[in-house]
Amino acid sequence: MPRISSNNQNAPNERAFETDSERNPVDVHVGGRVRFLRISAGVSEQELGAALGVTAERMRAYESGATRIGPSLLYDVSKLLQCPPTAFFEGMKLGNSAR
């Protein structure tokens, strides 16, 4: 599989404007778990976003699954919320959800 560089014109762009039916179920599940764990920890969107260097609006996009959360950012979220990275995948139904 060819590697896609960040400056490649054919590289996928941010997916913040997709409709619910176009969102990847894994992204939606992980985002929902980020929201659940953030709220459980008593942290606001603004607080978590500021700690990660992103806006509250971007946090909403991550939590809704509209924007995919990269592995390094997900790891940072796990450290900030003091949970294992695997917590974001708990309860996910396995199957043909990846595209």
C-alpha atoms as a PDB file:
ATOM      1  CA  MET A   1       0.000   0.000   0.000  1.00  0.00           C
ATOM      2  CA  PRO A   2       1.526   3.385  -0.954  1.00  0.00           C
ATOM      3  CA  ARG A   3       2.306   5.821   1.784  1.00  0.00           C
ATOM      4  CA  ILE A   4       0.369   9.093   1.708  1.00  0.00           C
ATOM      5  CA  SER A   5       2.420  12.109   2.672  1.00  0.00           C
ATOM      6  CA  SER A   6       0.851  15.149   4.316  1.00  0.00           C
ATOM      7  CA  ASN A   7       1.604  17.287   1.262  1.00  0.00           C
ATOM      8  CA  ASN A   8       0.021  14.832  -1.186  1.00  0.00           C
ATOM      9  CA  GLN A   9      -2.858  16.489  -3.071  1.00  0.00           C
ATOM     10  CA  ASN A  10      -4.766  13.185  -3.007  1.00  0.00           C
ATOM     11  CA  ALA A  11      -4.416  12.757   0.746  1.00  0.00           C
ATOM     12  CA  PRO A  12      -7.647  12.596   2.730  1.00  0.00           C
ATOM     13  CA  ASN A  13      -8.546  15.919   4.304  1.00  0.00           C
ATOM     14  CA  GLU A  14     -10.269  16.705   7.604  1.00  0.00           C
ATOM     15  CA  ARG A  15     -13.588  14.952   7.841  1.00  0.00           C
ATOM     16  CA  ALA A  16     -15.366  17.537   9.971  1.00  0.00           C
ATOM     17  CA  PHE A  17     -18.157  18.122   7.444  1.00  0.00           C
ATOM     18  CA  GLU A  18     -19.364  14.580   6.911  1.00  0.00           C
ATOM     19  CA  THR A  19     -22.931  13.608   7.689  1.00  0.00           C
ATOM     20  CA  ASP A  20     -23.763  11.047  10.363  1.00  0.00           C
ATOM     21  CA  SER A  21     -24.308   8.369   7.710  1.00  0.00           C
ATOM     22  CA  GLU A  22     -20.783   8.915   6.326  1.00  0.00           C
ATOM     23  CA  ARG A  23     -18.982   8.745   9.662  1.00  0.00           C
ATOM     24  CA  ASN A  24     -16.930   5.687  10.403  1.00  0.00           C
ATOM     25  CA  PRO A  25     -18.566   3.746  13.269  1.00  0.00           C
ATOM     26  CA  VAL A  26     -15.193   3.304  14.971  1.00  0.00           C
ATOM     27  CA  ASP A  27     -14.613   7.090  14.968  1.00  0.00           C
ATOM     28  CA  VAL A  28     -18.112   7.660  16.366  1.00  0.00           C
ATOM     29  CA  HIS A  29     -17.584   5.051  19.106  1.00  0.00           C
ATOM     30  CA  VAL A  30     -14.150   6.355  20.111  1.00  0.00           C
ATOM     31  CA  GLY A  31     -15.406   9.949  20.118  1.00  0.00           C
ATOM     32  CA  GLY A  32     -18.362   8.982  22.268  1.00  0.00           C
ATOM     33  CA  ARG A  33     -16.052   7.241  24.719  1.00  0.00           C
ATOM     34  CA  VAL A  34     -13.828  10.349  24.868  1.00  0.00           C
ATOM     35  CA  ARG A  35     -16.931  12.392  25.737  1.00  0.00           C
ATOM     36  CA  PHE A  36     -18.121   9.864  28.337  1.00  0.00           C
ATOM     37  CA  LEU A  37     -14.717   9.617  30.002  1.00  0.00           C
ATOM     38  CA  ARG A  38     -14.200  13.402  29.897  1.00  0.00           C
ATOM     39  CA  ILE A  39     -17.548  14.034  31.577  1.00  0.00           C
ATOM     40  CA  SER A  40     -16.895  11.237  34.098  1.00  0.00           C
ATOM     41  CA  ALA A  41     -13.626  12.943  35.006  1.00  0.00           C
ATOM     42  CA  GLY A  42     -15.412  16.271  35.490  1.00  0.00           C
ATOM     43  CA  VAL A  43     -13.494  17.970  32.687  1.00  0.00           C
ATOM     44  CA  SER A  44     -15.124  20.451  30.284  1.00  0.00           C
ATOM     45  CA  GLU A  45     -14.612  20.505  26.517  1.00  0.00           C
ATOM     46  CA  GLN A  46     -12.779  23.796  26.933  1.00  0.00           C
ATOM     47  CA  GLU A  47     -10.440  22.410  29.606  1.00  0.00           C
ATOM     48  CA  LEU A  48      -9.551  19.263  27.691  1.00  0.00           C
ATOM     49  CA  GLY A  49      -9.224  21.171  24.438  1.00  0.00           C
ATOM     50  CA  ALA A  50      -6.911  23.736  26.026  1.00  0.00           C
ATOM     51  CA  ALA A  51      -4.736  20.980  27.509  1.00  0.00           C
ATOM     52  CA  LEU A  52      -4.503  19.378  24.054  1.00  0.00           C
ATOM     53  CA  GLY A  53      -4.015  22.677  22.221  1.00  0.00           C
ATOM     54  CA  VAL A  54      -7.326  22.518  20.327  1.00  0.00           C
ATOM     55  CA  THR A  55     -10.562  24.483  20.513  1.00  0.00           C
ATOM     56  CA  ALA A  56     -13.764  23.336  22.211  1.00  0.00           C
ATOM     57  CA  GLU A  57     -15.303  23.258  18.728  1.00  0.00           C
ATOM     58  CA  ARG A  58     -12.619  20.786  17.613  1.00  0.00           C
ATOM     59  CA  MET A  59     -13.279  18.695  20.730  1.00  0.00           C
ATOM     60  CA  ARG A  60     -16.982  18.522  19.748  1.00  0.00           C
ATOM     61  CA  ALA A  61     -15.959  17.330  16.278  1.00  0.00           C
ATOM     62  CA  TYR A  62     -13.743  14.632  17.813  1.00  0.00           C
ATOM     63  CA  GLU A  63     -16.412  13.555  20.286  1.00  0.00           C
ATOM     64  CA  SER A  64     -19.115  13.302  17.627  1.00  0.00           C
ATOM     65  CA  GLY A  65     -16.893  11.254  15.318  1.00  0.00           C
ATOM     66  CA  ALA A  66     -16.983  13.972  12.646  1.00  0.00           C
ATOM     67  CA  THR A  67     -13.205  14.304  12.888  1.00  0.00           C
ATOM     68  CA  ARG A  68     -10.998  11.267  13.426  1.00  0.00           C
ATOM     69  CA  ILE A  69      -8.757  11.372  16.508  1.00  0.00           C
ATOM     70  CA  GLY A  70      -5.179  10.430  15.661  1.00  0.00           C
ATOM     71  CA  PRO A  71      -3.333   7.875  17.783  1.00  0.00           C
ATOM     72  CA  SER A  72      -0.947  10.364  19.379  1.00  0.00           C
ATOM     73  CA  LEU A  73      -3.789  12.697  20.352  1.00  0.00           C
ATOM     74  CA  LEU A  74      -5.809   9.781  21.692  1.00  0.00           C
ATOM     75  CA  TYR A  75      -2.819   8.771  23.791  1.00  0.00           C
ATOM     76  CA  ASP A  76      -2.567  12.338  25.138  1.00  0.00           C
ATOM     77  CA  VAL A  77      -6.281  12.266  25.990  1.00  0.00           C
ATOM     78  CA  SER A  78      -5.776   9.004  27.890  1.00  0.00           C
ATOM     79  CA  LYS A  79      -2.971  10.552  29.933  1.00  0.00           C
ATOM     80  CA  LEU A  80      -4.991  13.685  30.708  1.00  0.00           C
ATOM     81  CA  LEU A  81      -8.102  11.711  31.682  1.00  0.00           C
ATOM     82  CA  GLN A  82      -5.965   9.138  33.535  1.00  0.00           C
ATOM     83  CA  CYS A  83      -7.388   6.119  31.751  1.00  0.00           C
ATOM     84  CA  PRO A  84      -5.778   3.416  29.622  1.00  0.00           C
ATOM     85  CA  PRO A  85      -5.923   3.976  25.840  1.00  0.00           C
ATOM     86  CA  THR A  86      -7.974   0.799  25.573  1.00  0.00           C
ATOM     87  CA  ALA A  87     -10.818   2.532  27.480  1.00  0.00           C
ATOM     88  CA  PHE A  88     -11.793   4.321  24.256  1.00  0.00           C
ATOM     89  CA  PHE A  89     -12.560   0.995  22.574  1.00  0.00           C
ATOM     90  CA  GLU A  90     -14.527  -0.630  25.419  1.00  0.00           C
ATOM     91  CA  GLY A  91     -17.953  -1.839  24.354  1.00  0.00           C
ATOM     92  CA  MET A  92     -17.179  -1.540  20.660  1.00  0.00           C
ATOM     93  CA  LYS A  93     -18.825  -4.204  18.566  1.00  0.00           C
ATOM     94  CA  LEU A  94     -16.314  -5.909  16.302  1.00  0.00           C
ATOM     95  CA  GLY A  95     -17.193  -6.462  12.700  1.00  0.00           C
ATOM     96  CA  ASN A  96     -16.947  -4.801   9.316  1.00  0.00           C
ATOM     97  CA  SER A  97     -16.853  -1.252  10.665  1.00  0.00           C
ATOM     98  CA  ALA A  98     -13.546  -0.157   9.139  1.00  0.00           C
ATOM     99  CA  ARG A  99     -13.594   1.223   5.618  1.00  0.00           C
END
